[in-house]
Amino acid sequence: DGEQSVADLRGQLVFYEQRLAEAERLSETDPLTGLSNRAGVEHALETRIRAARSFSLLIADLDGFKALNDRYGHLAGDELLKAFAVEFRAQFRSFDVIGRWGGDEFVVLIEADPAEIQTCIQRVRNWALGEYTIHVSGKPQKIRLAAAIGTAAWRPGMTVEQVFSQADRAMYEDKDQAKRAVGPAACPPASLR
């Protein structure tokens, strides 16, 4: 009888450990896109910094997303975010941490040198950005999606805030360059530049 009780307790322990692991996974997953959420990305950042593992941070901020939500509604915006997340994830390796930081901002923690990072950015621009079809009131609507992208390489001694600040500055520089190159009149209001 004692052996059966121990076996039952072991079975319950395995069950609760599995439920705990699933709860932890869900707590770090963005429910809309299935990517890591902010908490998941922060956890991965802290883990890498504690272990002093080199990485780079890539931030992609979708252009004109608020205008899309205002014009077509949040369901259309959600559809676009989900479609973009699939294409965005496909541009990186399975062990890179890809997350939705919030709203229309996506991040990647990637172990790569600067040349590899530039290759990743080019893949994102070539394959994840561009034309998407969303459904508005049951009708397909083509949307052109662009993003500003910034990166920063973590160096020993840098904090999470410092690496984010550096990547964020680079992203805003990219956004400013795109505005200067295209000009505000070249973007029709129905599109996302």
N, C-alpha and C. Protein backbone atom coordinates (compact mmCIF):
# COMPACT_ATOMS: atom_id res chain seq x y z
N ASP A 1 0.83 -1.20 0.00
CA ASP A 1 0.00 0.00 0.00
C ASP A 1 0.87 1.26 0.00
N GLY A 2 2.00 1.21 0.72
CA GLY A 2 2.91 2.35 0.77
C GLY A 2 3.54 2.63 -0.59
N GLU A 3 3.89 1.55 -1.33
CA GLU A 3 4.46 1.73 -2.66
C GLU A 3 3.45 2.36 -3.61
N GLN A 4 2.19 1.98 -3.47
CA GLN A 4 1.15 2.55 -4.33
C GLN A 4 0.96 4.03 -4.02
N SER A 5 1.02 4.40 -2.74
CA SER A 5 0.89 5.80 -2.35
C SER A 5 2.03 6.63 -2.93
N VAL A 6 3.25 6.12 -2.87
CA VAL A 6 4.41 6.81 -3.43
C VAL A 6 4.25 6.97 -4.95
N ALA A 7 3.79 5.90 -5.61
CA ALA A 7 3.58 5.96 -7.07
C ALA A 7 2.51 7.00 -7.41
N ASP A 8 1.43 7.05 -6.62
CA ASP A 8 0.37 8.04 -6.85
C ASP A 8 0.91 9.46 -6.67
N LEU A 9 1.69 9.66 -5.61
CA LEU A 9 2.27 10.99 -5.36
C LEU A 9 3.22 11.41 -6.48
N ARG A 10 4.02 10.46 -6.99
CA ARG A 10 4.92 10.76 -8.11
C ARG A 10 4.11 11.15 -9.35
N GLY A 11 3.03 10.45 -9.59
CA GLY A 11 2.17 10.76 -10.73
C GLY A 11 1.57 12.15 -10.60
N GLN A 12 1.13 12.51 -9.38
CA GLN A 12 0.57 13.85 -9.15
C GLN A 12 1.65 14.92 -9.33
N LEU A 13 2.85 14.62 -8.85
CA LEU A 13 3.96 15.57 -8.97
C LEU A 13 4.27 15.85 -10.45
N VAL A 14 4.33 14.80 -11.26
CA VAL A 14 4.58 14.97 -12.69
C VAL A 14 3.47 15.81 -13.31
N PHE A 15 2.22 15.53 -12.95
CA PHE A 15 1.08 16.28 -13.48
C PHE A 15 1.20 17.77 -13.13
N TYR A 16 1.51 18.08 -11.88
CA TYR A 16 1.61 19.48 -11.46
C TYR A 16 2.84 20.17 -12.05
N GLU A 17 3.92 19.42 -12.23
CA GLU A 17 5.10 20.01 -12.89
C GLU A 17 4.78 20.37 -14.33
N GLN A 18 4.03 19.51 -15.02
CA GLN A 18 3.63 19.80 -16.40
C GLN A 18 2.71 21.02 -16.45
N ARG A 19 1.79 21.11 -15.53
CA ARG A 19 0.89 22.27 -15.50
C ARG A 19 1.65 23.55 -15.19
N LEU A 20 2.62 23.48 -14.29
CA LEU A 20 3.44 24.64 -13.97
C LEU A 20 4.25 25.08 -15.19
N ALA A 21 4.86 24.14 -15.88
CA ALA A 21 5.63 24.47 -17.09
C ALA A 21 4.73 25.11 -18.14
N GLU A 22 3.52 24.60 -18.31
CA GLU A 22 2.59 25.18 -19.28
C GLU A 22 2.16 26.59 -18.86
N ALA A 23 1.92 26.79 -17.57
CA ALA A 23 1.54 28.12 -17.07
C ALA A 23 2.68 29.11 -17.28
N GLU A 24 3.92 28.68 -17.04
CA GLU A 24 5.07 29.56 -17.26
C GLU A 24 5.21 29.90 -18.73
N ARG A 25 5.02 28.91 -19.62
CA ARG A 25 5.10 29.16 -21.05
C ARG A 25 4.03 30.16 -21.48
N LEU A 26 2.81 29.97 -21.02
CA LEU A 26 1.72 30.88 -21.38
C LEU A 26 1.95 32.29 -20.85
N SER A 27 2.56 32.40 -19.66
CA SER A 27 2.79 33.72 -19.08
C SER A 27 3.83 34.52 -19.86
N GLU A 28 4.61 33.84 -20.71
CA GLU A 28 5.64 34.51 -21.50
C GLU A 28 5.33 34.49 -23.00
N THR A 29 4.07 34.23 -23.35
CA THR A 29 3.67 34.15 -24.76
C THR A 29 2.61 35.19 -25.06
N ASP A 30 2.78 35.90 -26.17
CA ASP A 30 1.79 36.85 -26.64
C ASP A 30 0.61 36.06 -27.20
N PRO A 31 -0.59 36.24 -26.65
CA PRO A 31 -1.72 35.42 -27.09
C PRO A 31 -2.16 35.68 -28.53
N LEU A 32 -1.91 36.86 -29.06
CA LEU A 32 -2.33 37.18 -30.42
C LEU A 32 -1.41 36.54 -31.47
N THR A 33 -0.10 36.68 -31.28
CA THR A 33 0.86 36.27 -32.30
C THR A 33 1.53 34.92 -32.02
N GLY A 34 1.50 34.48 -30.77
CA GLY A 34 2.21 33.26 -30.40
C GLY A 34 3.70 33.46 -30.20
N LEU A 35 4.19 34.68 -30.40
CA LEU A 35 5.60 34.99 -30.14
C LEU A 35 5.79 35.20 -28.64
N SER A 36 7.02 35.36 -28.21
CA SER A 36 7.26 35.72 -26.82
C SER A 36 6.63 37.09 -26.56
N ASN A 37 6.13 37.28 -25.34
CA ASN A 37 5.62 38.60 -24.98
C ASN A 37 6.74 39.38 -24.29
N ARG A 38 6.41 40.55 -23.80
CA ARG A 38 7.42 41.41 -23.15
C ARG A 38 8.09 40.68 -21.98
N ALA A 39 7.31 40.00 -21.16
CA ALA A 39 7.88 39.28 -20.01
C ALA A 39 8.83 38.19 -20.48
N GLY A 40 8.48 37.48 -21.55
CA GLY A 40 9.35 36.43 -22.07
C GLY A 40 10.65 36.98 -22.62
N VAL A 41 10.57 38.10 -23.33
CA VAL A 41 11.77 38.72 -23.88
C VAL A 41 12.65 39.24 -22.74
N GLU A 42 12.03 39.90 -21.75
CA GLU A 42 12.81 40.41 -20.62
C GLU A 42 13.52 39.27 -19.89
N HIS A 43 12.83 38.14 -19.71
CA HIS A 43 13.43 36.99 -19.05
C HIS A 43 14.64 36.48 -19.85
N ALA A 44 14.48 36.39 -21.17
CA ALA A 44 15.59 35.94 -22.02
C ALA A 44 16.75 36.93 -21.98
N LEU A 45 16.45 38.22 -21.98
CA LEU A 45 17.49 39.26 -21.89
C LEU A 45 18.27 39.12 -20.58
N GLU A 46 17.55 39.03 -19.49
CA GLU A 46 18.20 38.93 -18.18
C GLU A 46 19.05 37.67 -18.09
N THR A 47 18.56 36.57 -18.62
CA THR A 47 19.31 35.31 -18.61
C THR A 47 20.61 35.45 -19.39
N ARG A 48 20.55 36.06 -20.57
CA ARG A 48 21.75 36.24 -21.39
C ARG A 48 22.75 37.18 -20.70
N ILE A 49 22.26 38.25 -20.12
CA ILE A 49 23.15 39.20 -19.46
C ILE A 49 23.81 38.56 -18.24
N ARG A 50 23.04 37.84 -17.44
CA ARG A 50 23.62 37.16 -16.26
C ARG A 50 24.71 36.17 -16.68
N ALA A 51 24.48 35.48 -17.79
CA ALA A 51 25.45 34.49 -18.27
C ALA A 51 26.56 35.13 -19.10
N ALA A 52 26.48 36.46 -19.32
CA ALA A 52 27.45 37.21 -20.13
C ALA A 52 27.56 36.64 -21.53
N ARG A 53 26.42 36.21 -22.09
CA ARG A 53 26.36 35.68 -23.46
C ARG A 53 26.13 36.82 -24.43
N SER A 54 26.99 36.97 -25.39
CA SER A 54 26.85 38.03 -26.39
C SER A 54 25.57 37.86 -27.18
N PHE A 55 24.95 38.99 -27.51
CA PHE A 55 23.76 38.97 -28.35
C PHE A 55 23.56 40.36 -28.92
N SER A 56 22.72 40.43 -29.90
CA SER A 56 22.28 41.71 -30.44
C SER A 56 20.77 41.78 -30.29
N LEU A 57 20.28 42.99 -30.19
CA LEU A 57 18.85 43.23 -30.07
C LEU A 57 18.40 43.93 -31.34
N LEU A 58 17.37 43.42 -31.95
CA LEU A 58 16.78 44.03 -33.14
C LEU A 58 15.37 44.47 -32.77
N ILE A 59 15.01 45.70 -33.10
CA ILE A 59 13.67 46.23 -32.86
C ILE A 59 13.08 46.62 -34.21
N ALA A 60 11.86 46.16 -34.48
CA ALA A 60 11.13 46.54 -35.69
C ALA A 60 9.82 47.19 -35.26
N ASP A 61 9.62 48.41 -35.71
CA ASP A 61 8.41 49.17 -35.37
C ASP A 61 7.62 49.39 -36.66
N LEU A 62 6.43 48.80 -36.75
CA LEU A 62 5.62 48.90 -37.96
C LEU A 62 5.19 50.34 -38.19
N ASP A 63 5.29 50.77 -39.43
CA ASP A 63 4.94 52.14 -39.79
C ASP A 63 3.43 52.28 -40.00
N GLY A 64 2.86 53.35 -39.47
CA GLY A 64 1.47 53.71 -39.73
C GLY A 64 0.44 52.75 -39.19
N PHE A 65 0.77 51.98 -38.19
CA PHE A 65 -0.16 50.96 -37.70
C PHE A 65 -1.40 51.58 -37.05
N LYS A 66 -1.23 52.67 -36.34
CA LYS A 66 -2.39 53.32 -35.71
C LYS A 66 -3.39 53.77 -36.78
N ALA A 67 -2.89 54.28 -37.90
CA ALA A 67 -3.77 54.70 -39.00
C ALA A 67 -4.55 53.52 -39.55
N LEU A 68 -3.92 52.34 -39.64
CA LEU A 68 -4.61 51.15 -40.10
C LEU A 68 -5.76 50.80 -39.15
N ASN A 69 -5.46 50.78 -37.85
CA ASN A 69 -6.51 50.48 -36.86
C ASN A 69 -7.64 51.50 -36.93
N ASP A 70 -7.29 52.78 -37.09
CA ASP A 70 -8.31 53.82 -37.16
C ASP A 70 -9.17 53.68 -38.40
N ARG A 71 -8.56 53.31 -39.50
CA ARG A 71 -9.30 53.24 -40.76
C ARG A 71 -10.10 51.94 -40.92
N TYR A 72 -9.47 50.79 -40.59
CA TYR A 72 -10.09 49.49 -40.86
C TYR A 72 -10.59 48.76 -39.62
N GLY A 73 -10.20 49.21 -38.45
CA GLY A 73 -10.64 48.58 -37.21
C GLY A 73 -9.58 47.66 -36.62
N HIS A 74 -9.77 47.36 -35.34
CA HIS A 74 -8.77 46.56 -34.62
C HIS A 74 -8.72 45.11 -35.07
N LEU A 75 -9.82 44.55 -35.55
CA LEU A 75 -9.78 43.17 -36.03
C LEU A 75 -8.88 43.05 -37.26
N ALA A 76 -8.95 44.04 -38.15
CA ALA A 76 -8.06 44.05 -39.31
C ALA A 76 -6.61 44.23 -38.85
N GLY A 77 -6.39 45.10 -37.88
CA GLY A 77 -5.06 45.29 -37.34
C GLY A 77 -4.51 44.01 -36.72
N ASP A 78 -5.35 43.31 -35.97
CA ASP A 78 -4.93 42.03 -35.38
C ASP A 78 -4.58 41.01 -36.46
N GLU A 79 -5.38 40.97 -37.53
CA GLU A 79 -5.11 40.05 -38.63
C GLU A 79 -3.74 40.34 -39.24
N LEU A 80 -3.44 41.61 -39.43
CA LEU A 80 -2.14 42.00 -39.99
C LEU A 80 -1.00 41.64 -39.04
N LEU A 81 -1.18 41.89 -37.74
CA LEU A 81 -0.14 41.55 -36.77
C LEU A 81 0.16 40.04 -36.77
N LYS A 82 -0.89 39.23 -36.84
CA LYS A 82 -0.70 37.77 -36.85
C LYS A 82 0.04 37.33 -38.11
N ALA A 83 -0.37 37.87 -39.26
CA ALA A 83 0.27 37.50 -40.52
C ALA A 83 1.74 37.94 -40.53
N PHE A 84 1.99 39.17 -40.07
CA PHE A 84 3.36 39.66 -40.01
C PHE A 84 4.20 38.81 -39.07
N ALA A 85 3.66 38.44 -37.92
CA ALA A 85 4.41 37.65 -36.94
C ALA A 85 4.90 36.33 -37.55
N VAL A 86 4.06 35.70 -38.36
CA VAL A 86 4.45 34.43 -39.00
C VAL A 86 5.64 34.67 -39.94
N GLU A 87 5.53 35.70 -40.77
CA GLU A 87 6.60 36.00 -41.73
C GLU A 87 7.88 36.48 -41.02
N PHE A 88 7.71 37.28 -39.98
CA PHE A 88 8.84 37.80 -39.22
C PHE A 88 9.61 36.65 -38.57
N ARG A 89 8.89 35.75 -37.90
CA ARG A 89 9.52 34.60 -37.24
C ARG A 89 10.31 33.77 -38.23
N ALA A 90 9.79 33.63 -39.45
CA ALA A 90 10.44 32.78 -40.46
C ALA A 90 11.80 33.30 -40.90
N GLN A 91 12.13 34.55 -40.59
CA GLN A 91 13.39 35.14 -41.02
C GLN A 91 14.54 34.88 -40.04
N PHE A 92 14.24 34.18 -38.94
CA PHE A 92 15.25 33.97 -37.90
C PHE A 92 15.38 32.49 -37.60
N ARG A 93 16.42 32.15 -36.83
CA ARG A 93 16.67 30.77 -36.45
C ARG A 93 15.74 30.36 -35.31
N SER A 94 15.58 29.07 -35.14
CA SER A 94 14.65 28.56 -34.12
C SER A 94 15.08 28.93 -32.71
N PHE A 95 16.37 29.13 -32.47
CA PHE A 95 16.83 29.45 -31.12
C PHE A 95 16.92 30.96 -30.84
N ASP A 96 16.66 31.81 -31.85
CA ASP A 96 16.58 33.24 -31.60
C ASP A 96 15.28 33.53 -30.86
N VAL A 97 15.31 34.49 -29.97
CA VAL A 97 14.10 34.85 -29.21
C VAL A 97 13.38 35.96 -29.97
N ILE A 98 12.20 35.64 -30.47
CA ILE A 98 11.41 36.58 -31.26
C ILE A 98 10.19 36.93 -30.45
N GLY A 99 9.94 38.23 -30.29
CA GLY A 99 8.82 38.63 -29.44
C GLY A 99 8.08 39.85 -29.95
N ARG A 100 6.88 39.97 -29.46
CA ARG A 100 6.09 41.18 -29.67
C ARG A 100 6.26 41.99 -28.39
N TRP A 101 6.96 43.11 -28.50
CA TRP A 101 7.26 43.93 -27.33
C TRP A 101 6.00 44.63 -26.86
N GLY A 102 5.14 44.97 -27.78
CA GLY A 102 3.88 45.62 -27.45
C GLY A 102 3.35 46.32 -28.68
N GLY A 103 2.05 46.42 -28.80
CA GLY A 103 1.44 47.11 -29.92
C GLY A 103 1.96 46.62 -31.24
N ASP A 104 2.66 47.49 -31.96
CA ASP A 104 3.19 47.15 -33.28
C ASP A 104 4.71 47.10 -33.28
N GLU A 105 5.30 46.80 -32.14
CA GLU A 105 6.75 46.74 -32.00
C GLU A 105 7.18 45.30 -31.72
N PHE A 106 8.13 44.83 -32.53
CA PHE A 106 8.62 43.46 -32.43
C PHE A 106 10.11 43.49 -32.13
N VAL A 107 10.60 42.50 -31.40
CA VAL A 107 12.01 42.44 -31.04
C VAL A 107 12.57 41.05 -31.28
N VAL A 108 13.88 41.00 -31.47
CA VAL A 108 14.57 39.72 -31.62
C VAL A 108 15.88 39.80 -30.85
N LEU A 109 16.14 38.78 -30.06
CA LEU A 109 17.45 38.60 -29.42
C LEU A 109 18.17 37.57 -30.27
N ILE A 110 19.27 37.99 -30.85
CA ILE A 110 19.95 37.14 -31.81
C ILE A 110 21.44 37.09 -31.51
N GLU A 111 22.00 35.91 -31.55
CA GLU A 111 23.43 35.74 -31.35
C GLU A 111 24.06 35.76 -32.73
N ALA A 112 24.55 36.93 -33.12
CA ALA A 112 25.11 37.09 -34.46
C ALA A 112 26.04 38.29 -34.48
N ASP A 113 26.99 38.25 -35.42
CA ASP A 113 27.89 39.40 -35.57
C ASP A 113 27.18 40.47 -36.41
N PRO A 114 27.75 41.69 -36.48
CA PRO A 114 27.08 42.78 -37.20
C PRO A 114 26.73 42.46 -38.66
N ALA A 115 27.58 41.72 -39.36
CA ALA A 115 27.29 41.37 -40.76
C ALA A 115 26.06 40.46 -40.84
N GLU A 116 25.97 39.50 -39.92
CA GLU A 116 24.80 38.61 -39.90
C GLU A 116 23.53 39.39 -39.57
N ILE A 117 23.65 40.37 -38.68
CA ILE A 117 22.49 41.20 -38.32
C ILE A 117 21.99 41.94 -39.56
N GLN A 118 22.90 42.49 -40.35
CA GLN A 118 22.51 43.19 -41.56
C GLN A 118 21.83 42.25 -42.55
N THR A 119 22.28 41.01 -42.62
CA THR A 119 21.64 40.01 -43.47
C THR A 119 20.23 39.73 -42.98
N CYS A 120 20.06 39.64 -41.66
CA CYS A 120 18.73 39.42 -41.08
C CYS A 120 17.80 40.59 -41.41
N ILE A 121 18.31 41.80 -41.27
CA ILE A 121 17.49 42.98 -41.56
C ILE A 121 17.05 42.96 -43.03
N GLN A 122 17.98 42.61 -43.91
CA GLN A 122 17.63 42.56 -45.33
C GLN A 122 16.58 41.49 -45.61
N ARG A 123 16.70 40.34 -44.94
CA ARG A 123 15.66 39.29 -45.10
C ARG A 123 14.31 39.79 -44.64
N VAL A 124 14.28 40.49 -43.49
CA VAL A 124 13.02 41.03 -42.99
C VAL A 124 12.44 42.01 -44.01
N ARG A 125 13.27 42.89 -44.51
CA ARG A 125 12.79 43.88 -45.49
C ARG A 125 12.29 43.21 -46.77
N ASN A 126 12.99 42.15 -47.22
CA ASN A 126 12.62 41.48 -48.47
C ASN A 126 11.43 40.54 -48.32
N TRP A 127 11.30 39.87 -47.19
CA TRP A 127 10.32 38.80 -47.07
C TRP A 127 9.20 39.06 -46.07
N ALA A 128 9.46 39.75 -44.98
CA ALA A 128 8.41 39.95 -43.97
C ALA A 128 7.66 41.25 -44.19
N LEU A 129 8.30 42.20 -44.84
CA LEU A 129 7.63 43.47 -45.12
C LEU A 129 7.14 43.45 -46.57
N GLY A 130 6.21 44.33 -46.85
CA GLY A 130 5.66 44.36 -48.22
C GLY A 130 4.16 44.28 -48.18
N GLU A 131 3.60 43.63 -49.17
CA GLU A 131 2.15 43.60 -49.32
C GLU A 131 1.50 42.45 -48.55
N TYR A 132 0.45 42.79 -47.83
CA TYR A 132 -0.37 41.82 -47.11
C TYR A 132 -1.82 42.03 -47.52
N THR A 133 -2.59 40.97 -47.43
CA THR A 133 -4.03 41.08 -47.67
C THR A 133 -4.74 40.84 -46.35
N ILE A 134 -5.54 41.79 -45.95
CA ILE A 134 -6.38 41.64 -44.76
C ILE A 134 -7.83 41.68 -45.21
N HIS A 135 -8.71 41.28 -44.33
CA HIS A 135 -10.14 41.28 -44.67
C HIS A 135 -10.86 42.35 -43.88
N VAL A 136 -11.56 43.20 -44.60
CA VAL A 136 -12.32 44.29 -44.01
C VAL A 136 -13.77 44.09 -44.42
N SER A 137 -14.63 43.84 -43.45
CA SER A 137 -16.05 43.55 -43.72
C SER A 137 -16.18 42.42 -44.73
N GLY A 138 -15.35 41.42 -44.60
CA GLY A 138 -15.40 40.24 -45.46
C GLY A 138 -14.75 40.42 -46.82
N LYS A 139 -14.24 41.61 -47.11
CA LYS A 139 -13.62 41.87 -48.42
C LYS A 139 -12.12 41.99 -48.26
N PRO A 140 -11.35 41.41 -49.21
CA PRO A 140 -9.89 41.52 -49.13
C PRO A 140 -9.44 42.95 -49.40
N GLN A 141 -8.46 43.38 -48.62
CA GLN A 141 -7.90 44.73 -48.76
C GLN A 141 -6.39 44.59 -48.73
N LYS A 142 -5.71 45.05 -49.77
CA LYS A 142 -4.25 44.98 -49.81
C LYS A 142 -3.66 46.15 -49.02
N ILE A 143 -2.68 45.81 -48.20
CA ILE A 143 -1.99 46.79 -47.35
C ILE A 143 -0.49 46.64 -47.58
N ARG A 144 0.17 47.74 -47.75
CA ARG A 144 1.64 47.73 -47.88
C ARG A 144 2.23 48.00 -46.50
N LEU A 145 3.03 47.08 -46.02
CA LEU A 145 3.58 47.16 -44.67
C LEU A 145 5.07 47.45 -44.71
N ALA A 146 5.48 48.46 -43.97
CA ALA A 146 6.90 48.81 -43.83
C ALA A 146 7.19 48.95 -42.34
N ALA A 147 8.46 49.00 -42.01
CA ALA A 147 8.86 49.13 -40.61
C ALA A 147 10.20 49.84 -40.52
N ALA A 148 10.38 50.51 -39.42
CA ALA A 148 11.70 51.05 -39.07
C ALA A 148 12.39 49.98 -38.23
N ILE A 149 13.67 49.75 -38.49
CA ILE A 149 14.40 48.69 -37.80
C ILE A 149 15.68 49.28 -37.22
N GLY A 150 15.95 48.93 -35.96
CA GLY A 150 17.17 49.35 -35.30
C GLY A 150 17.79 48.18 -34.57
N THR A 151 19.10 48.20 -34.43
CA THR A 151 19.79 47.14 -33.71
C THR A 151 20.82 47.72 -32.76
N ALA A 152 21.20 46.91 -31.80
CA ALA A 152 22.28 47.25 -30.88
C ALA A 152 22.93 45.95 -30.42
N ALA A 153 24.23 45.98 -30.31
CA ALA A 153 24.97 44.82 -29.80
C ALA A 153 25.19 45.02 -28.31
N TRP A 154 24.86 44.00 -27.52
CA TRP A 154 25.11 44.07 -26.08
C TRP A 154 26.60 43.85 -25.83
N ARG A 155 27.12 44.65 -24.92
CA ARG A 155 28.51 44.52 -24.48
C ARG A 155 28.51 44.31 -22.96
N PRO A 156 29.48 43.55 -22.45
CA PRO A 156 29.54 43.36 -21.00
C PRO A 156 29.50 44.70 -20.26
N GLY A 157 28.69 44.74 -19.23
CA GLY A 157 28.53 45.96 -18.44
C GLY A 157 27.29 46.75 -18.83
N MET A 158 26.72 46.47 -20.01
CA MET A 158 25.50 47.17 -20.42
C MET A 158 24.30 46.59 -19.71
N THR A 159 23.35 47.45 -19.37
CA THR A 159 22.09 47.00 -18.77
C THR A 159 21.07 46.76 -19.87
N VAL A 160 19.96 46.16 -19.50
CA VAL A 160 18.86 45.95 -20.43
C VAL A 160 18.41 47.29 -20.99
N GLU A 161 18.29 48.28 -20.12
CA GLU A 161 17.83 49.61 -20.55
C GLU A 161 18.79 50.24 -21.56
N GLN A 162 20.09 50.06 -21.35
CA GLN A 162 21.08 50.65 -22.25
C GLN A 162 21.03 50.02 -23.64
N VAL A 163 20.93 48.69 -23.69
CA VAL A 163 20.89 48.04 -25.00
C VAL A 163 19.59 48.39 -25.73
N PHE A 164 18.48 48.48 -24.98
CA PHE A 164 17.21 48.88 -25.60
C PHE A 164 17.28 50.32 -26.09
N SER A 165 17.85 51.19 -25.29
CA SER A 165 17.96 52.60 -25.66
C SER A 165 18.76 52.75 -26.95
N GLN A 166 19.85 52.02 -27.06
CA GLN A 166 20.70 52.09 -28.24
C GLN A 166 19.96 51.57 -29.48
N ALA A 167 19.26 50.44 -29.35
CA ALA A 167 18.50 49.88 -30.48
C ALA A 167 17.34 50.80 -30.86
N ASP A 168 16.71 51.39 -29.85
CA ASP A 168 15.59 52.31 -30.07
C ASP A 168 16.06 53.55 -30.84
N ARG A 169 17.22 54.10 -30.46
CA ARG A 169 17.78 55.25 -31.17
C ARG A 169 18.04 54.90 -32.63
N ALA A 170 18.61 53.73 -32.87
CA ALA A 170 18.89 53.29 -34.24
C ALA A 170 17.59 53.12 -35.03
N MET A 171 16.55 52.63 -34.37
CA MET A 171 15.26 52.46 -35.03
C MET A 171 14.67 53.81 -35.42
N TYR A 172 14.75 54.80 -34.52
CA TYR A 172 14.23 56.13 -34.84
C TYR A 172 15.05 56.82 -35.93
N GLU A 173 16.35 56.55 -35.99
CA GLU A 173 17.17 57.07 -37.08
C GLU A 173 16.71 56.47 -38.41
N ASP A 174 16.41 55.17 -38.40
CA ASP A 174 15.91 54.50 -39.60
C ASP A 174 14.56 55.10 -40.02
N LYS A 175 13.71 55.37 -39.04
CA LYS A 175 12.40 55.97 -39.32
C LYS A 175 12.56 57.36 -39.93
N ASP A 176 13.48 58.16 -39.37
CA ASP A 176 13.73 59.51 -39.89
C ASP A 176 14.29 59.47 -41.31
N GLN A 177 15.20 58.54 -41.58
CA GLN A 177 15.77 58.41 -42.92
C GLN A 177 14.68 58.06 -43.93
N ALA A 178 13.78 57.16 -43.56
CA ALA A 178 12.70 56.76 -44.47
C ALA A 178 11.78 57.93 -44.76
N LYS A 179 11.48 58.74 -43.74
CA LYS A 179 10.63 59.91 -43.94
C LYS A 179 11.29 60.91 -44.88
N ARG A 180 12.59 61.13 -44.70
CA ARG A 180 13.30 62.08 -45.56
C ARG A 180 13.37 61.55 -47.00
N ALA A 181 13.56 60.24 -47.16
CA ALA A 181 13.68 59.65 -48.50
C ALA A 181 12.35 59.64 -49.25
N VAL A 182 11.27 59.35 -48.55
CA VAL A 182 9.96 59.22 -49.19
C VAL A 182 9.20 60.52 -49.18
N GLY A 183 9.23 61.21 -48.05
CA GLY A 183 8.46 62.45 -47.91
C GLY A 183 7.02 62.13 -47.55
N PRO A 184 6.39 62.97 -46.76
CA PRO A 184 5.05 62.67 -46.26
C PRO A 184 3.98 62.62 -47.35
N ALA A 185 4.10 63.37 -48.45
CA ALA A 185 3.06 63.39 -49.46
C ALA A 185 3.03 62.11 -50.29
N ALA A 186 4.12 61.34 -50.26
CA ALA A 186 4.18 60.13 -51.10
C ALA A 186 3.41 58.96 -50.51
N CYS A 187 2.95 59.07 -49.29
CA CYS A 187 2.26 57.96 -48.63
C CYS A 187 0.75 58.17 -48.69
N PRO A 188 0.03 57.38 -49.48
CA PRO A 188 -1.41 57.53 -49.48
C PRO A 188 -1.96 57.10 -48.13
N PRO A 189 -3.00 57.78 -47.64
CA PRO A 189 -3.51 57.48 -46.30
C PRO A 189 -3.99 56.04 -46.13
N ALA A 190 -4.35 55.36 -47.19
CA ALA A 190 -4.87 54.00 -47.05
C ALA A 190 -3.76 52.97 -46.89
N SER A 191 -2.54 53.37 -47.09
CA SER A 191 -1.47 52.37 -47.01
C SER A 191 -0.64 52.58 -45.77
N LEU A 192 0.07 51.55 -45.44
CA LEU A 192 1.10 51.66 -44.40
C LEU A 192 2.40 51.72 -45.17
N ARG A 193 3.05 52.86 -45.18
CA ARG A 193 4.26 53.10 -45.94
C ARG A 193 5.15 51.90 -45.96
